[in-house]
Protein backbone atom coordinates (compact mmCIF):
# COMPACT_ATOMS: atom_id res chain seq x y z
CA MET A 1 53.31 -7.09 64.29
CA LEU A 2 54.49 -3.43 64.64
CA SER A 3 56.19 -1.87 61.78
CA LEU A 4 57.40 1.60 60.82
CA GLU A 5 55.44 3.31 57.98
CA ARG A 6 56.72 6.51 56.35
CA ARG A 7 54.37 9.34 56.68
CA PRO A 8 53.36 11.12 53.54
CA ALA A 9 54.73 14.37 54.99
CA PRO A 10 56.72 15.16 58.31
CA SER A 11 54.47 15.60 61.24
CA PRO A 12 54.53 19.15 62.72
CA LEU A 13 52.87 17.70 65.87
CA MET A 14 55.72 15.19 66.38
CA SER A 15 58.39 17.80 65.62
CA TRP A 16 57.45 19.78 68.80
CA LEU A 17 56.23 16.73 70.77
CA SER A 18 59.48 14.84 70.26
CA PRO A 19 61.67 16.86 72.83
CA VAL A 20 58.90 16.36 75.54
CA LEU A 21 58.83 12.61 74.87
CA ALA A 22 62.47 12.52 74.98
CA LEU A 23 62.69 14.14 78.23
CA ALA A 24 60.03 11.73 79.62
CA LEU A 25 62.10 8.82 78.22
CA THR A 26 65.24 10.26 79.92
CA LEU A 27 63.42 10.28 83.23
CA VAL A 28 62.40 6.64 82.77
CA CYS A 29 65.92 5.67 81.99
CA GLY A 30 67.20 7.58 84.92
CA VAL A 31 64.85 5.56 87.33
CA ILE A 32 66.28 2.35 85.76
CA LEU A 33 69.71 3.67 86.18
CA PHE A 34 69.47 4.72 89.79
CA MET A 35 67.60 1.36 90.78
CA ALA A 36 70.65 -0.53 89.10
CA LEU A 37 72.95 1.49 91.32
CA GLY A 38 71.14 0.65 94.41
CA LYS A 39 69.70 4.23 94.85
CA ASP A 40 66.24 5.27 95.70
CA PRO A 41 64.94 6.56 92.30
CA VAL A 42 62.39 8.95 93.68
CA ARG A 43 64.83 10.66 96.13
CA SER A 44 67.58 10.57 93.45
CA LEU A 45 65.33 12.16 90.77
CA ALA A 46 64.27 14.74 93.28
CA VAL A 47 67.86 15.73 94.02
CA PHE A 48 68.46 15.90 90.27
CA PHE A 49 65.44 17.99 89.21
CA ILE A 50 63.80 19.46 92.30
CA GLU A 51 66.54 20.36 94.89
CA PRO A 52 68.22 22.88 92.51
CA LEU A 53 65.05 24.90 92.19
CA LYS A 54 64.06 25.19 96.01
CA ASN A 55 65.33 28.70 96.63
CA LEU A 56 66.64 31.80 94.80
CA ARG A 57 70.16 30.68 95.16
CA GLY A 58 69.42 27.50 93.34
CA TRP A 59 67.64 29.19 90.63
CA SER A 60 70.60 31.73 90.20
CA GLU A 61 73.12 28.88 89.98
CA VAL A 62 70.92 27.25 87.24
CA GLY A 63 70.87 30.67 85.42
CA ILE A 64 74.80 30.84 85.55
CA LYS A 65 74.74 27.62 83.58
CA VAL A 66 71.92 28.72 81.31
CA ALA A 67 73.91 31.85 80.19
CA PRO A 68 76.69 30.19 78.24
CA LEU A 69 74.62 27.29 76.94
CA LEU A 70 71.95 29.68 75.61
CA LEU A 71 74.55 32.03 73.89
CA ILE A 72 76.34 29.17 72.21
CA SER A 73 73.08 27.40 71.12
CA VAL A 74 71.56 30.19 69.54
CA GLY A 75 74.76 30.59 67.34
CA LEU A 76 74.68 26.96 66.67
CA ALA A 77 71.03 27.00 65.61
CA ILE A 78 72.00 29.70 63.04
CA CYS A 79 74.70 27.57 61.73
CA PHE A 80 72.73 24.37 61.67
CA ARG A 81 69.96 26.13 59.84
CA ALA A 82 72.46 27.37 57.22
CA ASN A 83 73.57 23.70 56.91
CA VAL A 84 76.89 24.41 58.38
CA PHE A 85 77.84 21.95 61.12
CA ASN A 86 80.07 23.83 63.38
CA ILE A 87 81.06 21.29 66.20
CA GLY A 88 84.00 23.57 67.37
CA ALA A 89 81.99 26.04 69.65
CA GLU A 90 83.98 24.77 72.61
CA GLY A 91 87.20 25.89 71.01
CA GLN A 92 85.62 29.38 69.94
CA LEU A 93 84.55 29.66 73.59
CA VAL A 94 88.11 29.01 74.85
CA LEU A 95 89.45 31.58 72.33
CA GLY A 96 86.90 34.10 73.48
CA ALA A 97 88.02 33.47 77.20
CA ILE A 98 91.71 33.91 76.14
CA THR A 99 91.40 37.11 74.17
CA GLY A 100 88.95 38.79 76.48
CA GLY A 101 90.88 37.73 79.56
CA ALA A 102 94.14 38.92 78.10
CA VAL A 103 92.65 42.39 77.43
CA GLY A 104 91.28 42.37 80.85
CA LEU A 105 94.51 41.63 82.39
CA TYR A 106 96.32 44.32 80.40
CA PHE A 107 94.02 46.97 81.80
CA ASP A 108 93.36 45.64 85.25
CA HIS A 109 95.98 47.15 87.71
CA GLY A 110 93.98 46.43 90.76
CA GLN A 111 91.78 49.50 90.66
CA GLY A 112 89.40 51.28 88.34
CA GLY A 113 87.36 49.42 85.67
CA GLY A 114 83.87 50.10 84.94
CA VAL A 115 81.31 49.80 82.15
CA GLY A 116 83.70 50.93 79.30
CA TYR A 117 86.42 48.30 80.32
CA ILE A 118 83.96 45.57 80.67
CA ALA A 119 82.27 46.42 77.12
CA LEU A 120 85.85 46.41 75.67
CA ILE A 121 86.72 43.07 77.16
CA LEU A 122 83.35 41.49 75.94
CA ILE A 123 84.01 42.78 72.49
CA ALA A 124 87.53 41.27 72.43
CA GLY A 125 86.14 38.08 73.50
CA MET A 126 83.72 38.10 70.69
CA ILE A 127 86.44 38.99 68.19
CA GLY A 128 88.72 35.97 69.53
CA GLY A 129 85.75 33.54 68.92
CA MET A 130 85.05 34.96 65.45
CA ALA A 131 88.67 34.72 64.53
CA TRP A 132 88.67 31.03 65.59
CA ALA A 133 85.59 30.45 63.57
CA ALA A 134 86.90 32.14 60.59
CA VAL A 135 89.68 29.59 60.52
CA THR A 136 87.08 26.92 59.90
CA ALA A 137 85.14 29.03 57.40
CA LEU A 138 88.29 29.88 55.39
CA LEU A 139 89.30 26.24 54.99
CA ARG A 140 85.89 25.09 54.08
CA ASP A 141 85.54 28.12 51.61
CA ARG A 142 88.84 27.89 49.80
CA PHE A 143 89.74 24.07 50.23
CA ASN A 144 86.32 22.57 50.72
CA ALA A 145 87.67 21.09 53.94
CA ASN A 146 85.21 19.32 56.19
CA GLU A 147 83.99 21.87 58.78
CA ILE A 148 83.00 19.26 61.17
CA LEU A 149 86.53 17.71 61.45
CA VAL A 150 88.33 21.14 61.25
CA SER A 151 86.27 22.81 63.85
CA LEU A 152 86.50 19.78 66.06
CA MET A 153 90.29 19.59 65.91
CA LEU A 154 90.73 23.29 66.52
CA VAL A 155 89.00 22.75 69.95
CA TYR A 156 92.08 20.86 71.11
CA VAL A 157 94.44 23.49 69.80
CA ALA A 158 92.56 26.05 71.69
CA GLN A 159 92.67 23.97 74.86
CA PHE A 160 96.33 23.46 74.47
CA LEU A 161 96.90 27.16 73.78
CA LEU A 162 95.10 28.15 76.84
CA SER A 163 97.05 25.80 79.00
CA LEU A 164 100.25 27.16 77.50
CA LEU A 165 99.33 30.71 78.44
CA VAL A 166 98.22 30.09 82.07
CA HIS A 167 101.37 28.05 82.51
CA GLY A 168 103.48 30.82 81.03
CA PRO A 169 102.78 34.43 80.01
CA LEU A 170 99.48 34.89 81.70
CA ARG A 171 100.33 32.99 84.92
CA ASP A 172 99.83 35.01 88.29
CA PRO A 173 103.56 35.74 89.57
CA GLN A 174 102.13 35.65 93.06
CA GLY A 175 99.96 32.47 92.57
CA PHE A 176 102.48 30.01 94.22
CA ASN A 177 103.19 28.56 90.75
CA PHE A 178 99.48 27.47 90.24
CA PRO A 179 98.46 27.51 86.44
CA GLN A 180 95.98 30.43 86.67
CA SER A 181 95.94 34.20 86.01
CA ARG A 182 95.39 36.96 88.49
CA LEU A 183 91.89 37.43 89.77
CA PHE A 184 90.26 40.33 88.16
CA SER A 185 89.38 43.29 90.18
CA SER A 186 85.74 44.00 91.04
CA GLY A 187 85.61 46.80 88.59
CA PHE A 188 86.24 44.41 85.74
CA LEU A 189 83.72 41.74 86.70
CA LEU A 190 80.21 41.53 85.24
CA PRO A 191 77.53 43.07 87.59
CA ILE A 192 75.60 40.79 89.83
CA LEU A 193 71.87 40.85 89.18
CA PHE A 194 70.56 39.70 92.74
CA LYS A 195 72.40 40.37 96.02
CA GLY A 196 73.58 37.23 97.63
CA THR A 197 73.82 35.24 94.41
CA ARG A 198 76.34 34.77 91.62
CA LEU A 199 73.89 35.34 88.74
CA HIS A 200 75.56 38.00 86.48
CA LEU A 201 74.73 40.19 83.54
CA GLY A 202 75.59 37.30 81.18
CA ILE A 203 72.01 35.84 81.52
CA VAL A 204 70.53 39.17 80.26
CA LEU A 205 72.88 39.15 77.32
CA ALA A 206 71.81 35.51 76.55
CA PHE A 207 68.19 36.34 76.52
CA VAL A 208 68.75 39.47 74.38
CA THR A 209 70.72 37.27 71.98
CA SER A 210 67.92 34.66 71.80
CA LEU A 211 65.41 37.27 70.98
CA ALA A 212 67.60 38.86 68.33
CA GLY A 213 68.31 35.40 66.79
CA TRP A 214 64.51 34.80 66.53
CA VAL A 215 63.98 38.17 64.81
CA TYR A 216 66.92 37.56 62.53
CA LEU A 217 65.80 34.01 61.30
CA SER A 218 62.13 34.48 61.29
CA ARG A 219 61.56 38.20 60.48
CA SER A 220 64.44 39.31 58.24
CA PHE A 221 65.18 38.84 54.58
CA GLY A 222 68.74 38.22 55.65
CA GLY A 223 67.78 35.34 57.78
CA PHE A 224 65.77 33.91 54.99
CA ARG A 225 68.64 34.15 52.49
CA LEU A 226 71.03 32.52 54.89
CA GLN A 227 68.80 29.37 55.49
CA VAL A 228 68.25 29.19 51.47
CA GLY A 229 71.84 29.65 50.85
CA GLY A 230 72.69 26.83 53.29
CA MET A 231 69.99 24.24 52.55
CA ALA A 232 69.57 24.69 48.75
CA PRO A 233 72.73 26.15 47.25
CA ALA A 234 71.49 25.66 43.60
CA ALA A 235 68.21 27.33 44.36
CA ALA A 236 69.99 30.21 46.18
CA ARG A 237 72.27 30.83 43.32
CA TYR A 238 69.24 30.89 40.85
CA ALA A 239 67.76 33.46 43.23
CA GLY A 240 70.88 35.44 43.48
CA PHE A 241 71.81 34.30 47.03
CA SER A 242 75.30 33.38 48.03
CA SER A 243 75.93 30.09 49.83
CA ARG A 244 79.39 31.44 50.70
CA LYS A 245 77.84 34.31 52.40
CA ALA A 246 75.66 31.88 54.40
CA LEU A 247 78.85 29.97 55.50
CA TRP A 248 80.67 33.05 56.64
CA VAL A 249 77.89 34.76 58.37
CA SER A 250 76.68 31.75 60.25
CA MET A 251 80.36 30.74 61.35
CA LEU A 252 81.20 34.28 62.32
CA VAL A 253 78.06 34.85 64.33
CA CYS A 254 78.43 31.57 66.04
CA GLY A 255 81.99 32.24 66.91
CA ALA A 256 81.13 35.57 68.33
CA LEU A 257 78.40 34.10 70.61
CA ALA A 258 80.65 31.37 71.72
CA GLY A 259 83.50 33.85 72.36
CA LEU A 260 80.97 35.97 74.35
CA ALA A 261 80.06 33.00 76.40
CA GLY A 262 83.61 32.27 77.15
CA VAL A 263 84.49 35.81 78.29
CA CYS A 264 81.34 35.86 80.42
CA GLU A 265 82.59 32.87 82.27
CA VAL A 266 85.90 34.52 82.80
CA LEU A 267 84.31 37.86 84.07
CA GLY A 268 81.64 36.06 85.97
CA PRO A 269 81.62 33.03 88.04
CA ILE A 270 85.36 32.15 87.47
CA GLY A 271 86.87 35.50 87.83
CA GLN A 272 90.21 34.55 86.22
CA LEU A 273 91.74 32.43 83.58
CA THR A 274 92.31 28.77 84.41
CA PRO A 275 93.34 25.78 82.44
CA SER A 276 89.64 24.78 82.09
CA VAL A 277 87.13 27.57 81.53
CA SER A 278 84.26 25.30 80.54
CA PRO A 279 82.93 21.87 81.54
CA GLY A 280 81.97 21.13 77.99
CA TYR A 281 79.45 23.84 77.28
CA GLY A 282 80.27 23.95 73.47
CA PHE A 283 79.51 20.26 73.08
CA ALA A 284 76.41 20.28 75.38
CA ALA A 285 74.97 23.22 73.46
CA ILE A 286 74.78 21.01 70.39
CA VAL A 287 72.35 18.82 72.20
CA VAL A 288 70.52 22.00 73.45
CA ALA A 289 70.16 23.34 69.89
CA TYR A 290 68.57 20.14 68.61
CA VAL A 291 66.32 19.68 71.56
CA GLY A 292 65.25 23.31 70.92
CA ARG A 293 64.46 22.31 67.42
CA LEU A 294 67.08 24.82 66.10
CA HIS A 295 64.85 27.66 67.10
CA PRO A 296 66.36 30.65 68.93
CA VAL A 297 63.43 30.71 71.32
CA GLY A 298 63.00 27.04 71.67
CA VAL A 299 66.63 26.78 72.94
CA VAL A 300 65.77 28.79 75.91
CA PHE A 301 63.79 25.90 77.36
CA SER A 302 66.34 23.17 76.28
CA SER A 303 69.20 25.22 77.78
CA PHE A 304 67.39 25.35 81.09
CA ILE A 305 66.87 21.59 81.13
CA MET A 306 70.65 21.13 80.35
CA ALA A 307 71.72 23.54 83.10
CA LEU A 308 69.47 21.66 85.59
CA LEU A 309 71.44 18.50 84.53
CA TYR A 310 74.63 20.16 85.32
CA ILE A 311 73.45 21.34 88.72
CA GLY A 312 71.54 18.08 89.46
CA GLY A 313 74.69 16.14 88.60
CA GLU A 314 76.91 18.19 91.06
CA LEU A 315 74.29 17.73 93.92
CA SER A 316 74.01 13.99 93.15
CA GLN A 317 77.72 13.66 93.63
CA SER A 318 77.80 15.31 97.03
CA ARG A 319 74.48 13.99 98.21
CA LEU A 320 74.20 10.55 96.77
CA GLY A 321 77.73 9.55 96.23
CA MET A 322 77.33 9.33 92.39
CA PRO A 323 80.30 9.59 90.11
CA SER A 324 81.04 12.68 88.35
CA ALA A 325 80.20 11.08 84.95
CA ILE A 326 76.59 11.11 85.91
CA THR A 327 75.95 14.44 84.10
CA GLY A 328 77.42 13.20 80.94
CA VAL A 329 75.37 10.05 81.17
CA PHE A 330 72.10 11.95 81.46
CA GLN A 331 73.03 14.33 78.59
CA GLY A 332 73.91 11.21 76.42
CA ILE A 333 70.40 9.62 77.32
CA LEU A 334 68.75 12.85 76.51
CA LEU A 335 70.55 12.95 73.09
CA PHE A 336 69.74 9.33 72.16
CA SER A 337 66.06 9.66 73.26
CA LEU A 338 65.69 12.77 71.15
CA LEU A 339 67.24 10.79 68.27
CA ALA A 340 64.89 7.89 68.86
CA CYS A 341 61.73 10.11 69.14
CA ASP A 342 62.64 12.00 66.14
CA VAL A 343 62.14 8.90 63.91
CA PHE A 344 58.46 9.48 64.56
CA ILE A 345 58.46 12.79 62.78
CA HIS A 346 58.78 11.06 59.46
CA TYR A 347 57.60 7.50 60.41
CA ARG A 348 54.61 6.20 62.24
CA LEU A 349 53.84 2.82 63.96
CA ARG A 350 51.58 0.51 62.19
CA TRP A 351 50.06 -2.68 63.28
CA SER A 352 49.76 -5.48 60.92
CA LYS A 353 48.86 -9.13 61.16
């Protein structure tokens, strides 16, 4: 009979092998799912994972999805390492889009623009995300409110606020009453990296952020202090570290990066404010962070996998007639597969008579 036996110490090998096994298990479940729906599993998986990478345009579309996922997941990795469970990155993304978009609309008069204005809009987006994250940090710090519930509820407040603004003050007066803002002028949009594609400067900002996050967590005293302050508050106090500082730093950094992701979407592929600026990047980035083992470099690979699921899901809808929920189904399978495989970090299978 097979049983689970607790390991004397967590397995470092399984810690890194678990995401690989989770991905393989997701593929197996995908085969079963496509067969149950009467689809050819080989062709379906090819549409999901191979078709998006056949040419430069496909790679660029995946890169567009990688940029916000990577930005947010780096911030979430810092939060979770500090033992601060920020689940509201989606709301912080929306606030970044609102503040950055509002500043852009204020200065955009149909001409001009340039690097200075773009930088100002990006900073405004980061400030918006930080301000929204600060609400959660303040309630947790002053009233010991649960940051999971507070940050999650603020997501819906942010989405309703966005809807209110694009139906009212920020609505395009010449937009035939559609709930959307004016399109930004070309001088206010992020530069395109490759001609003939939509891949913008946001992907470069995301990779730079990933590298900076790795340096901060792994090579700086501040990163070490943040992790100790979050995971062992008593030891941190004994060493003179502040758990309050870990809370505020991690939340503000995560909010700034989520806000940057939001404003990059507005100045990038969307080009305006709409009622929905995100297909759920803030929630998907939680899965990305854990698949990447809460490592700022590991999330580069997991954000690529998640972006591939987004593009593959869109292609499967148009080419296979799959429902729009197929992307969320694969994301859920990946998450539960990871949770199942993570069991073997602390346990191992033992055969007994």
